[in-house]
N, C-alpha and C. Protein backbone atom coordinates (compact mmCIF):
# COMPACT_ATOMS: atom_id res chain seq x y z
N MET A 1 -9.47 -17.65 37.62
CA MET A 1 -8.54 -17.22 36.59
C MET A 1 -7.36 -18.16 36.54
N VAL A 2 -6.90 -18.39 35.33
CA VAL A 2 -5.74 -19.26 35.13
C VAL A 2 -4.50 -18.38 35.01
N PRO A 3 -3.49 -18.63 35.82
CA PRO A 3 -2.27 -17.82 35.74
C PRO A 3 -1.49 -18.17 34.47
N PRO A 4 -0.61 -17.27 34.03
CA PRO A 4 0.21 -17.56 32.86
C PRO A 4 1.04 -18.82 33.08
N VAL A 5 1.29 -19.55 32.01
CA VAL A 5 2.01 -20.81 32.12
C VAL A 5 3.47 -20.58 32.46
N PHE A 6 4.08 -19.57 31.87
CA PHE A 6 5.50 -19.32 32.15
C PHE A 6 5.65 -17.99 32.86
N ILE A 7 5.85 -18.07 34.16
CA ILE A 7 6.06 -16.87 34.96
C ILE A 7 7.56 -16.77 35.20
N GLY A 8 8.18 -15.79 34.57
CA GLY A 8 9.61 -15.59 34.75
C GLY A 8 10.45 -16.64 34.07
N GLY A 9 9.84 -17.52 33.33
CA GLY A 9 10.60 -18.56 32.64
C GLY A 9 10.65 -18.31 31.15
N VAL A 10 11.12 -19.30 30.43
CA VAL A 10 11.23 -19.22 28.98
C VAL A 10 10.03 -19.93 28.37
N PRO A 11 9.34 -19.29 27.44
CA PRO A 11 8.19 -19.95 26.82
C PRO A 11 8.64 -21.13 25.97
N SER A 12 7.81 -22.14 25.94
CA SER A 12 8.14 -23.30 25.12
C SER A 12 6.85 -23.99 24.71
N GLY A 13 6.94 -24.89 23.78
CA GLY A 13 5.80 -25.71 23.40
C GLY A 13 4.63 -24.92 22.89
N MET A 14 3.53 -25.03 23.59
CA MET A 14 2.28 -24.42 23.16
C MET A 14 2.39 -22.90 23.11
N GLU A 15 3.13 -22.28 24.03
CA GLU A 15 3.28 -20.83 24.01
C GLU A 15 3.93 -20.36 22.72
N LEU A 16 4.99 -21.05 22.30
CA LEU A 16 5.67 -20.69 21.05
C LEU A 16 4.75 -20.92 19.85
N ALA A 17 3.97 -21.98 19.90
CA ALA A 17 3.05 -22.27 18.81
C ALA A 17 1.99 -21.17 18.69
N VAL A 18 1.48 -20.72 19.82
CA VAL A 18 0.48 -19.64 19.80
C VAL A 18 1.11 -18.35 19.29
N MET A 19 2.33 -18.05 19.72
CA MET A 19 3.01 -16.85 19.23
C MET A 19 3.23 -16.92 17.72
N ALA A 20 3.66 -18.06 17.23
CA ALA A 20 3.88 -18.24 15.80
C ALA A 20 2.56 -18.09 15.04
N PHE A 21 1.50 -18.68 15.58
CA PHE A 21 0.19 -18.56 14.94
C PHE A 21 -0.27 -17.11 14.87
N LEU A 22 -0.08 -16.37 15.95
CA LEU A 22 -0.49 -14.97 15.96
C LEU A 22 0.32 -14.15 14.95
N LEU A 23 1.62 -14.41 14.85
CA LEU A 23 2.44 -13.71 13.87
C LEU A 23 1.98 -14.01 12.45
N ILE A 24 1.68 -15.28 12.18
CA ILE A 24 1.20 -15.67 10.85
C ILE A 24 -0.15 -15.02 10.57
N LEU A 25 -1.01 -14.98 11.57
CA LEU A 25 -2.32 -14.36 11.41
C LEU A 25 -2.20 -12.87 11.12
N ILE A 26 -1.34 -12.19 11.84
CA ILE A 26 -1.13 -10.75 11.62
C ILE A 26 -0.57 -10.52 10.22
N ALA A 27 0.39 -11.35 9.80
CA ALA A 27 0.97 -11.21 8.45
C ALA A 27 -0.09 -11.45 7.38
N ALA A 28 -0.96 -12.43 7.59
CA ALA A 28 -2.01 -12.72 6.61
C ALA A 28 -3.00 -11.57 6.50
N VAL A 29 -3.36 -10.97 7.61
CA VAL A 29 -4.27 -9.83 7.59
C VAL A 29 -3.62 -8.64 6.88
N ALA A 30 -2.35 -8.39 7.17
CA ALA A 30 -1.64 -7.30 6.50
C ALA A 30 -1.55 -7.54 5.00
N TYR A 31 -1.24 -8.77 4.60
CA TYR A 31 -1.14 -9.12 3.18
C TYR A 31 -2.50 -8.94 2.50
N GLY A 32 -3.56 -9.38 3.16
CA GLY A 32 -4.90 -9.23 2.60
C GLY A 32 -5.29 -7.77 2.45
N THR A 33 -4.95 -6.97 3.42
CA THR A 33 -5.26 -5.54 3.36
C THR A 33 -4.54 -4.88 2.19
N VAL A 34 -3.25 -5.18 2.04
CA VAL A 34 -2.47 -4.62 0.93
C VAL A 34 -3.05 -5.08 -0.40
N TRP A 35 -3.44 -6.34 -0.49
CA TRP A 35 -3.99 -6.89 -1.73
C TRP A 35 -5.30 -6.17 -2.10
N VAL A 36 -6.16 -5.96 -1.11
CA VAL A 36 -7.43 -5.28 -1.37
C VAL A 36 -7.19 -3.84 -1.81
N VAL A 37 -6.29 -3.15 -1.14
CA VAL A 37 -6.00 -1.76 -1.49
C VAL A 37 -5.46 -1.67 -2.91
N ARG A 38 -4.56 -2.57 -3.27
CA ARG A 38 -4.02 -2.57 -4.64
C ARG A 38 -5.10 -2.91 -5.66
N ALA A 39 -5.97 -3.84 -5.34
CA ALA A 39 -7.03 -4.22 -6.27
C ALA A 39 -7.99 -3.06 -6.50
N VAL A 40 -8.29 -2.33 -5.45
CA VAL A 40 -9.20 -1.19 -5.58
C VAL A 40 -8.52 -0.06 -6.35
N SER A 41 -7.25 0.18 -6.11
CA SER A 41 -6.57 1.28 -6.79
C SER A 41 -6.29 0.95 -8.25
N ASP A 42 -6.22 -0.33 -8.64
CA ASP A 42 -5.98 -0.70 -10.03
C ASP A 42 -7.21 -0.51 -10.89
N ARG A 43 -8.36 -0.36 -10.30
CA ARG A 43 -9.59 -0.15 -11.07
C ARG A 43 -9.56 1.17 -11.81
N GLY A 44 -8.76 2.10 -11.34
CA GLY A 44 -8.69 3.41 -11.97
C GLY A 44 -7.71 3.46 -13.13
N GLY A 45 -7.44 2.35 -13.79
CA GLY A 45 -6.49 2.30 -14.89
C GLY A 45 -6.88 3.19 -16.04
N SER A 46 -8.13 3.17 -16.46
CA SER A 46 -8.57 4.03 -17.56
C SER A 46 -8.55 5.49 -17.12
N ASP A 47 -8.83 5.73 -15.86
CA ASP A 47 -8.76 7.08 -15.34
C ASP A 47 -7.33 7.58 -15.40
N LEU A 48 -6.39 6.70 -15.15
CA LEU A 48 -4.98 7.07 -15.19
C LEU A 48 -4.59 7.50 -16.60
N GLU A 49 -5.06 6.77 -17.59
CA GLU A 49 -4.76 7.13 -18.98
C GLU A 49 -5.33 8.51 -19.32
N ALA A 50 -6.52 8.78 -18.85
CA ALA A 50 -7.13 10.09 -19.10
C ALA A 50 -6.33 11.19 -18.42
N ARG A 51 -5.86 10.93 -17.22
CA ARG A 51 -5.05 11.92 -16.50
C ARG A 51 -3.74 12.19 -17.23
N VAL A 52 -3.12 11.12 -17.76
CA VAL A 52 -1.87 11.29 -18.50
C VAL A 52 -2.10 12.14 -19.74
N GLU A 53 -3.18 11.86 -20.47
CA GLU A 53 -3.49 12.65 -21.66
C GLU A 53 -3.73 14.12 -21.29
N HIS A 54 -4.43 14.34 -20.19
CA HIS A 54 -4.70 15.70 -19.73
C HIS A 54 -3.39 16.42 -19.40
N LEU A 55 -2.50 15.73 -18.69
CA LEU A 55 -1.22 16.34 -18.32
C LEU A 55 -0.36 16.60 -19.54
N GLU A 56 -0.39 15.70 -20.52
CA GLU A 56 0.37 15.94 -21.75
C GLU A 56 -0.16 17.18 -22.47
N GLY A 57 -1.47 17.36 -22.45
CA GLY A 57 -2.05 18.56 -23.04
C GLY A 57 -1.61 19.82 -22.31
N GLU A 58 -1.57 19.76 -20.99
CA GLU A 58 -1.12 20.91 -20.21
C GLU A 58 0.34 21.23 -20.49
N VAL A 59 1.17 20.20 -20.61
CA VAL A 59 2.58 20.41 -20.91
C VAL A 59 2.74 21.07 -22.28
N ALA A 60 1.99 20.60 -23.25
CA ALA A 60 2.05 21.20 -24.59
C ALA A 60 1.62 22.67 -24.54
N ALA A 61 0.57 22.96 -23.78
CA ALA A 61 0.11 24.35 -23.66
C ALA A 61 1.16 25.21 -22.98
N LEU A 62 1.80 24.69 -21.94
CA LEU A 62 2.85 25.46 -21.25
C LEU A 62 4.04 25.69 -22.16
N ARG A 63 4.41 24.70 -22.96
CA ARG A 63 5.53 24.88 -23.90
C ARG A 63 5.19 25.96 -24.93
N GLU A 64 3.96 25.92 -25.43
CA GLU A 64 3.53 26.93 -26.40
C GLU A 64 3.55 28.32 -25.77
N ASP A 65 3.09 28.42 -24.53
CA ASP A 65 3.10 29.69 -23.82
C ASP A 65 4.53 30.18 -23.63
N ARG A 66 5.44 29.29 -23.30
CA ARG A 66 6.84 29.67 -23.12
C ARG A 66 7.45 30.15 -24.43
N ARG A 67 7.13 29.47 -25.52
CA ARG A 67 7.64 29.89 -26.83
C ARG A 67 7.13 31.30 -27.17
N ASN A 68 5.86 31.54 -26.87
CA ASN A 68 5.30 32.87 -27.15
C ASN A 68 5.96 33.95 -26.31
N ARG A 69 6.33 33.64 -25.08
CA ARG A 69 7.00 34.63 -24.22
C ARG A 69 8.43 34.88 -24.67
N GLU A 70 9.10 33.85 -25.20
CA GLU A 70 10.50 34.00 -25.60
C GLU A 70 10.62 34.80 -26.90
N GLU A 71 9.60 34.76 -27.75
CA GLU A 71 9.65 35.50 -29.01
C GLU A 71 9.34 36.97 -28.74
N PRO A 72 10.27 37.85 -29.11
CA PRO A 72 10.03 39.29 -28.84
C PRO A 72 9.05 39.90 -29.81
């Protein structure tokens, strides 16, 4: 087994480069995951329009119901 290069010391050179690479790799994976999730959720655009129309219909029905209740 190879012992760690910096035992109780300050990392430098290759250690810092590896740390930077790992941070960049983690950021790239996170960015890719967010991009895929957004791409998949954007496919429901037409579904969103249908939901909005449905909700507008429900609001109109509730307003009509409220008007009927307010009229004695």
